[in-house]
Amino acid sequence: MKNRVTGIGGVFFKTKDPKASRDWYKKHLGFNTDDYGSTFWWKDKDGNDCTTQWSPFKEDTSYFKPSSKDFMFNYRVENLERLLDVLNKEGVTIVGEMETYDYGKFAWILDNENNKIELWEPIDAAFK
C-alpha cells in the first residue's frame, strides 16, 4: 500500500480546563475556537480543501486509553479499511472497531510504545 498517512488530521491533548485553554489560544494566538477546539483549513497537493483539528480534552478523559499519554495524534489516511487490513497483517494492535460518521471513518491503533493513534479517512466537505 503506497499512501498510508496523507497528513495530520488532528492534535489532541489533556488539560485541566479545556475552555480556558481554548480561550487562551484564541486570545494570544488567534485560534478560531469553538466547543471542540479549532479547525485549520488548508489545501492538499491537488488543491482540495482539507482540515486539521486542534482539541484540548479534559484531563480525566478516557478517549486516549489504553495509552497513558496526555496527547493523541490523528492522522489522515486515504483508504482506512484497506490500511487496517495491511496493519493487521503486519501485527499492529488495532483498538476497538472502525466507526463511520458523516465527516469520515475512524479507527485506532497502538504504536510501538502503546501510544494510541487515531486514523481518519476524512470527508472534509462535511465541515463547510
N, C-alpha and C. Protein backbone atom coordinates (compact mmCIF):
# COMPACT_ATOMS: atom_id res chain seq x y z
N MET A 1 0.85 -1.17 0.00
CA MET A 1 0.00 0.00 0.00
C MET A 1 0.89 1.23 0.00
N LYS A 2 0.80 2.04 -1.03
CA LYS A 2 1.69 3.19 -1.21
C LYS A 2 1.40 4.32 -0.22
N ASN A 3 0.22 4.91 -0.29
CA ASN A 3 -0.13 6.04 0.58
C ASN A 3 -0.88 5.55 1.80
N ARG A 4 -0.22 5.57 2.93
CA ARG A 4 -0.89 5.18 4.17
C ARG A 4 -1.40 6.43 4.87
N VAL A 5 -0.52 7.27 5.36
CA VAL A 5 -0.90 8.52 6.01
C VAL A 5 -0.67 9.66 5.02
N THR A 6 -1.66 10.55 4.91
CA THR A 6 -1.56 11.67 3.97
C THR A 6 -1.37 13.01 4.66
N GLY A 7 -1.47 13.05 5.99
CA GLY A 7 -1.28 14.31 6.70
C GLY A 7 -1.71 14.18 8.15
N ILE A 8 -1.58 15.25 8.88
CA ILE A 8 -2.01 15.29 10.27
C ILE A 8 -3.45 15.76 10.29
N GLY A 9 -4.31 14.93 10.86
CA GLY A 9 -5.73 15.26 10.94
C GLY A 9 -6.08 15.99 12.21
N GLY A 10 -5.28 15.82 13.25
CA GLY A 10 -5.59 16.50 14.50
C GLY A 10 -4.53 16.29 15.56
N VAL A 11 -4.52 17.21 16.49
CA VAL A 11 -3.65 17.15 17.66
C VAL A 11 -4.57 17.31 18.87
N PHE A 12 -4.58 16.29 19.73
CA PHE A 12 -5.46 16.27 20.88
C PHE A 12 -4.60 16.15 22.14
N PHE A 13 -4.95 16.91 23.17
CA PHE A 13 -4.16 16.87 24.41
C PHE A 13 -5.05 17.10 25.61
N LYS A 14 -4.61 16.59 26.75
CA LYS A 14 -5.34 16.74 28.00
C LYS A 14 -4.95 18.05 28.68
N THR A 15 -5.94 18.66 29.33
CA THR A 15 -5.71 19.89 30.07
C THR A 15 -6.69 19.95 31.24
N LYS A 16 -6.32 20.68 32.28
CA LYS A 16 -7.20 20.80 33.44
C LYS A 16 -8.50 21.50 33.09
N ASP A 17 -8.42 22.50 32.19
CA ASP A 17 -9.59 23.32 31.86
C ASP A 17 -9.61 23.57 30.35
N PRO A 18 -10.27 22.70 29.58
CA PRO A 18 -10.29 22.87 28.12
C PRO A 18 -10.80 24.23 27.67
N LYS A 19 -11.82 24.77 28.32
CA LYS A 19 -12.34 26.08 27.92
C LYS A 19 -11.29 27.16 28.11
N ALA A 20 -10.59 27.14 29.25
CA ALA A 20 -9.54 28.13 29.50
C ALA A 20 -8.42 28.00 28.45
N SER A 21 -8.10 26.77 28.06
CA SER A 21 -7.08 26.58 27.03
C SER A 21 -7.56 27.12 25.69
N ARG A 22 -8.81 26.81 25.33
CA ARG A 22 -9.35 27.34 24.07
C ARG A 22 -9.33 28.87 24.09
N ASP A 23 -9.74 29.46 25.21
CA ASP A 23 -9.77 30.92 25.33
C ASP A 23 -8.38 31.51 25.23
N TRP A 24 -7.39 30.89 25.87
CA TRP A 24 -6.01 31.39 25.84
C TRP A 24 -5.47 31.37 24.41
N TYR A 25 -5.66 30.26 23.71
CA TYR A 25 -5.16 30.15 22.34
C TYR A 25 -5.89 31.11 21.40
N LYS A 26 -7.16 31.35 21.67
CA LYS A 26 -7.91 32.32 20.86
C LYS A 26 -7.36 33.73 21.08
N LYS A 27 -7.20 34.11 22.34
CA LYS A 27 -6.74 35.46 22.67
C LYS A 27 -5.30 35.71 22.23
N HIS A 28 -4.41 34.78 22.53
CA HIS A 28 -2.99 35.03 22.34
C HIS A 28 -2.43 34.56 20.99
N LEU A 29 -3.04 33.53 20.40
CA LEU A 29 -2.52 33.02 19.14
C LEU A 29 -3.52 33.13 17.99
N GLY A 30 -4.70 33.67 18.28
CA GLY A 30 -5.67 33.92 17.23
C GLY A 30 -6.41 32.71 16.70
N PHE A 31 -6.44 31.62 17.48
CA PHE A 31 -7.18 30.43 17.04
C PHE A 31 -8.67 30.77 16.95
N ASN A 32 -9.33 30.27 15.92
CA ASN A 32 -10.76 30.42 15.76
C ASN A 32 -11.42 29.24 16.47
N THR A 33 -11.70 29.37 17.76
CA THR A 33 -12.12 28.24 18.58
C THR A 33 -13.63 28.12 18.67
N ASP A 34 -14.05 26.88 18.95
CA ASP A 34 -15.45 26.57 19.27
C ASP A 34 -15.40 25.54 20.40
N ASP A 35 -16.51 24.88 20.69
CA ASP A 35 -16.55 23.93 21.80
C ASP A 35 -15.62 22.74 21.62
N TYR A 36 -15.17 22.47 20.39
CA TYR A 36 -14.31 21.31 20.12
C TYR A 36 -12.84 21.69 19.98
N GLY A 37 -12.54 22.95 19.89
CA GLY A 37 -11.16 23.39 19.69
C GLY A 37 -11.10 24.35 18.53
N SER A 38 -10.26 24.03 17.55
CA SER A 38 -10.10 24.88 16.38
C SER A 38 -9.83 24.02 15.15
N THR A 39 -10.45 24.38 14.05
CA THR A 39 -10.25 23.67 12.80
C THR A 39 -9.42 24.53 11.88
N PHE A 40 -8.32 23.98 11.39
CA PHE A 40 -7.45 24.67 10.46
C PHE A 40 -7.72 24.16 9.06
N TRP A 41 -7.97 25.06 8.12
CA TRP A 41 -8.22 24.71 6.72
C TRP A 41 -6.95 24.88 5.91
N TRP A 42 -6.72 23.98 4.97
CA TRP A 42 -5.56 24.04 4.10
C TRP A 42 -5.89 23.27 2.82
N LYS A 43 -5.02 23.37 1.84
CA LYS A 43 -5.19 22.68 0.56
C LYS A 43 -4.18 21.54 0.46
N ASP A 44 -4.63 20.41 -0.06
CA ASP A 44 -3.68 19.32 -0.29
C ASP A 44 -2.94 19.56 -1.61
N LYS A 45 -2.08 18.64 -2.00
CA LYS A 45 -1.24 18.83 -3.19
C LYS A 45 -2.05 18.94 -4.47
N ASP A 46 -3.31 18.46 -4.44
CA ASP A 46 -4.18 18.56 -5.61
C ASP A 46 -5.13 19.74 -5.54
N GLY A 47 -4.99 20.57 -4.50
CA GLY A 47 -5.83 21.75 -4.35
C GLY A 47 -7.15 21.52 -3.66
N ASN A 48 -7.35 20.34 -3.08
CA ASN A 48 -8.59 20.05 -2.36
C ASN A 48 -8.56 20.66 -0.96
N ASP A 49 -9.73 21.13 -0.50
CA ASP A 49 -9.83 21.65 0.85
C ASP A 49 -9.67 20.53 1.86
N CYS A 50 -8.87 20.77 2.90
CA CYS A 50 -8.61 19.79 3.94
C CYS A 50 -8.64 20.48 5.30
N THR A 51 -8.80 19.67 6.35
CA THR A 51 -8.83 20.24 7.70
C THR A 51 -7.87 19.49 8.62
N THR A 52 -7.42 20.21 9.64
CA THR A 52 -6.69 19.63 10.75
C THR A 52 -7.34 20.19 12.01
N GLN A 53 -7.66 19.31 12.95
CA GLN A 53 -8.36 19.69 14.17
C GLN A 53 -7.38 19.80 15.34
N TRP A 54 -7.53 20.84 16.12
CA TRP A 54 -6.77 21.05 17.36
C TRP A 54 -7.79 21.03 18.49
N SER A 55 -7.62 20.12 19.47
CA SER A 55 -8.63 19.98 20.52
C SER A 55 -8.04 19.68 21.88
N PRO A 56 -8.32 20.55 22.86
CA PRO A 56 -7.99 20.22 24.26
C PRO A 56 -9.10 19.36 24.85
N PHE A 57 -8.71 18.34 25.60
CA PHE A 57 -9.65 17.44 26.27
C PHE A 57 -9.49 17.58 27.77
N LYS A 58 -10.55 17.32 28.51
CA LYS A 58 -10.50 17.32 29.97
C LYS A 58 -9.45 16.30 30.42
N GLU A 59 -8.70 16.62 31.47
CA GLU A 59 -7.58 15.78 31.90
C GLU A 59 -7.99 14.37 32.32
N ASP A 60 -9.26 14.16 32.66
CA ASP A 60 -9.69 12.82 33.07
C ASP A 60 -10.37 12.05 31.93
N THR A 61 -10.22 12.51 30.69
CA THR A 61 -10.83 11.81 29.56
C THR A 61 -10.31 10.38 29.45
N SER A 62 -11.17 9.49 29.02
CA SER A 62 -10.74 8.12 28.75
C SER A 62 -10.55 7.89 27.25
N TYR A 63 -10.72 8.94 26.46
CA TYR A 63 -10.64 8.83 25.00
C TYR A 63 -9.27 8.35 24.51
N PHE A 64 -8.20 8.65 25.25
CA PHE A 64 -6.86 8.28 24.82
C PHE A 64 -6.47 6.87 25.26
N LYS A 65 -7.29 6.22 26.08
CA LYS A 65 -6.97 4.88 26.59
C LYS A 65 -6.94 3.86 25.46
N PRO A 66 -6.10 2.87 25.48
CA PRO A 66 -5.33 2.40 26.62
C PRO A 66 -4.00 3.13 26.82
N SER A 67 -3.69 4.13 26.01
CA SER A 67 -2.46 4.89 26.19
C SER A 67 -2.53 5.67 27.51
N SER A 68 -1.40 5.84 28.14
CA SER A 68 -1.34 6.63 29.37
C SER A 68 -0.82 8.04 29.10
N LYS A 69 -0.60 8.38 27.85
CA LYS A 69 -0.06 9.70 27.49
C LYS A 69 -1.15 10.77 27.58
N ASP A 70 -0.72 12.01 27.67
CA ASP A 70 -1.62 13.15 27.75
C ASP A 70 -1.92 13.75 26.39
N PHE A 71 -1.62 13.01 25.33
CA PHE A 71 -1.85 13.51 23.97
C PHE A 71 -2.21 12.35 23.06
N MET A 72 -2.78 12.69 21.92
CA MET A 72 -3.04 11.70 20.89
C MET A 72 -3.02 12.42 19.55
N PHE A 73 -2.37 11.80 18.58
CA PHE A 73 -2.35 12.35 17.23
C PHE A 73 -3.40 11.66 16.38
N ASN A 74 -3.97 12.41 15.46
CA ASN A 74 -4.92 11.90 14.49
C ASN A 74 -4.24 12.08 13.13
N TYR A 75 -4.15 10.99 12.38
CA TYR A 75 -3.54 11.05 11.05
C TYR A 75 -4.59 10.82 9.98
N ARG A 76 -4.53 11.62 8.94
CA ARG A 76 -5.42 11.48 7.79
C ARG A 76 -4.92 10.32 6.93
N VAL A 77 -5.84 9.51 6.44
CA VAL A 77 -5.47 8.38 5.58
C VAL A 77 -6.39 8.37 4.36
N GLU A 78 -5.95 7.70 3.30
CA GLU A 78 -6.73 7.64 2.07
C GLU A 78 -7.79 6.55 2.08
N ASN A 79 -7.44 5.37 2.52
CA ASN A 79 -8.36 4.23 2.46
C ASN A 79 -8.23 3.47 3.78
N LEU A 80 -9.06 3.83 4.73
CA LEU A 80 -8.92 3.30 6.08
C LEU A 80 -9.12 1.78 6.15
N GLU A 81 -10.12 1.27 5.49
CA GLU A 81 -10.38 -0.16 5.56
C GLU A 81 -9.19 -0.97 5.01
N ARG A 82 -8.66 -0.54 3.89
CA ARG A 82 -7.51 -1.24 3.31
C ARG A 82 -6.29 -1.12 4.22
N LEU A 83 -6.07 0.07 4.78
CA LEU A 83 -4.93 0.27 5.67
C LEU A 83 -5.06 -0.61 6.91
N LEU A 84 -6.25 -0.73 7.48
CA LEU A 84 -6.43 -1.58 8.64
C LEU A 84 -6.11 -3.03 8.32
N ASP A 85 -6.48 -3.49 7.13
CA ASP A 85 -6.13 -4.86 6.71
C ASP A 85 -4.62 -5.04 6.67
N VAL A 86 -3.92 -4.07 6.08
CA VAL A 86 -2.46 -4.14 5.99
C VAL A 86 -1.83 -4.12 7.37
N LEU A 87 -2.27 -3.19 8.22
CA LEU A 87 -1.70 -3.07 9.57
C LEU A 87 -1.95 -4.33 10.38
N ASN A 88 -3.13 -4.91 10.25
CA ASN A 88 -3.46 -6.15 10.95
C ASN A 88 -2.49 -7.26 10.53
N LYS A 89 -2.23 -7.37 9.24
CA LYS A 89 -1.31 -8.39 8.73
C LYS A 89 0.12 -8.14 9.21
N GLU A 90 0.45 -6.88 9.47
CA GLU A 90 1.78 -6.53 9.96
C GLU A 90 1.90 -6.68 11.48
N GLY A 91 0.82 -7.07 12.13
CA GLY A 91 0.85 -7.30 13.57
C GLY A 91 0.62 -6.07 14.43
N VAL A 92 0.13 -4.98 13.84
CA VAL A 92 -0.15 -3.76 14.59
C VAL A 92 -1.42 -3.98 15.41
N THR A 93 -1.42 -3.50 16.66
CA THR A 93 -2.58 -3.63 17.53
C THR A 93 -3.64 -2.62 17.11
N ILE A 94 -4.83 -3.13 16.79
CA ILE A 94 -5.97 -2.29 16.45
C ILE A 94 -6.87 -2.24 17.68
N VAL A 95 -7.27 -1.03 18.07
CA VAL A 95 -8.06 -0.81 19.27
C VAL A 95 -9.52 -0.58 18.87
N GLY A 96 -10.41 -1.46 19.29
CA GLY A 96 -11.83 -1.27 19.01
C GLY A 96 -12.18 -1.53 17.56
N GLU A 97 -13.34 -1.02 17.16
CA GLU A 97 -13.86 -1.21 15.81
C GLU A 97 -13.87 0.12 15.07
N MET A 98 -13.77 0.06 13.75
CA MET A 98 -13.86 1.26 12.93
C MET A 98 -15.25 1.88 13.12
N GLU A 99 -15.29 3.21 13.16
CA GLU A 99 -16.55 3.93 13.29
C GLU A 99 -16.72 4.85 12.09
N THR A 100 -17.96 4.98 11.61
CA THR A 100 -18.25 5.80 10.44
C THR A 100 -19.24 6.90 10.80
N TYR A 101 -18.92 8.13 10.38
CA TYR A 101 -19.76 9.30 10.61
C TYR A 101 -19.91 10.05 9.29
N ASP A 102 -20.73 11.09 9.27
CA ASP A 102 -20.91 11.84 8.03
C ASP A 102 -19.66 12.66 7.67
N TYR A 103 -18.71 12.78 8.58
CA TYR A 103 -17.47 13.51 8.31
C TYR A 103 -16.26 12.58 8.17
N GLY A 104 -16.51 11.26 8.11
CA GLY A 104 -15.42 10.34 7.83
C GLY A 104 -15.44 9.07 8.66
N LYS A 105 -14.44 8.24 8.39
CA LYS A 105 -14.27 6.97 9.10
C LYS A 105 -13.10 7.09 10.07
N PHE A 106 -13.22 6.43 11.23
CA PHE A 106 -12.19 6.49 12.26
C PHE A 106 -11.82 5.09 12.73
N ALA A 107 -10.56 4.91 13.05
CA ALA A 107 -10.08 3.69 13.69
C ALA A 107 -8.88 4.07 14.55
N TRP A 108 -8.52 3.16 15.47
CA TRP A 108 -7.44 3.45 16.42
C TRP A 108 -6.46 2.29 16.47
N ILE A 109 -5.20 2.64 16.59
CA ILE A 109 -4.13 1.65 16.69
C ILE A 109 -3.18 2.07 17.82
N LEU A 110 -2.28 1.15 18.20
CA LEU A 110 -1.22 1.47 19.15
C LEU A 110 0.11 1.41 18.43
N ASP A 111 0.97 2.38 18.73
CA ASP A 111 2.32 2.34 18.15
C ASP A 111 3.22 1.45 18.99
N ASN A 112 4.51 1.45 18.70
CA ASN A 112 5.45 0.56 19.38
C ASN A 112 5.62 0.87 20.87
N GLU A 113 5.19 2.05 21.34
CA GLU A 113 5.26 2.39 22.76
C GLU A 113 3.87 2.47 23.39
N ASN A 114 2.89 1.85 22.74
CA ASN A 114 1.50 1.83 23.21
C ASN A 114 0.84 3.20 23.26
N ASN A 115 1.27 4.12 22.40
CA ASN A 115 0.58 5.39 22.24
C ASN A 115 -0.60 5.16 21.31
N LYS A 116 -1.77 5.60 21.72
CA LYS A 116 -2.95 5.45 20.89
C LYS A 116 -2.89 6.47 19.76
N ILE A 117 -3.16 6.01 18.55
CA ILE A 117 -3.16 6.85 17.36
C ILE A 117 -4.54 6.71 16.72
N GLU A 118 -5.12 7.85 16.36
CA GLU A 118 -6.40 7.84 15.66
C GLU A 118 -6.14 7.99 14.17
N LEU A 119 -6.74 7.11 13.38
CA LEU A 119 -6.65 7.17 11.93
C LEU A 119 -8.00 7.65 11.39
N TRP A 120 -7.96 8.59 10.45
CA TRP A 120 -9.18 9.23 9.96
C TRP A 120 -9.18 9.30 8.45
N GLU A 121 -10.18 8.70 7.84
CA GLU A 121 -10.43 8.88 6.40
C GLU A 121 -11.49 9.97 6.31
N PRO A 122 -11.07 11.23 6.07
CA PRO A 122 -11.98 12.36 6.20
C PRO A 122 -12.93 12.56 5.02
N ILE A 123 -14.02 13.23 5.35
CA ILE A 123 -14.90 13.84 4.37
C ILE A 123 -14.91 15.31 4.72
N ASP A 124 -13.93 16.06 4.20
CA ASP A 124 -13.74 17.46 4.58
C ASP A 124 -14.94 18.34 4.23
N ALA A 125 -15.66 17.98 3.15
CA ALA A 125 -16.80 18.78 2.74
C ALA A 125 -17.86 18.87 3.82
N ALA A 126 -17.91 17.91 4.74
CA ALA A 126 -18.90 17.91 5.81
C ALA A 126 -18.70 19.08 6.77
N PHE A 127 -17.53 19.71 6.79
CA PHE A 127 -17.24 20.81 7.71
C PHE A 127 -17.60 22.17 7.16
N LYS A 128 -18.02 22.24 5.91
CA LYS A 128 -18.33 23.54 5.30
C LYS A 128 -19.72 24.00 5.64
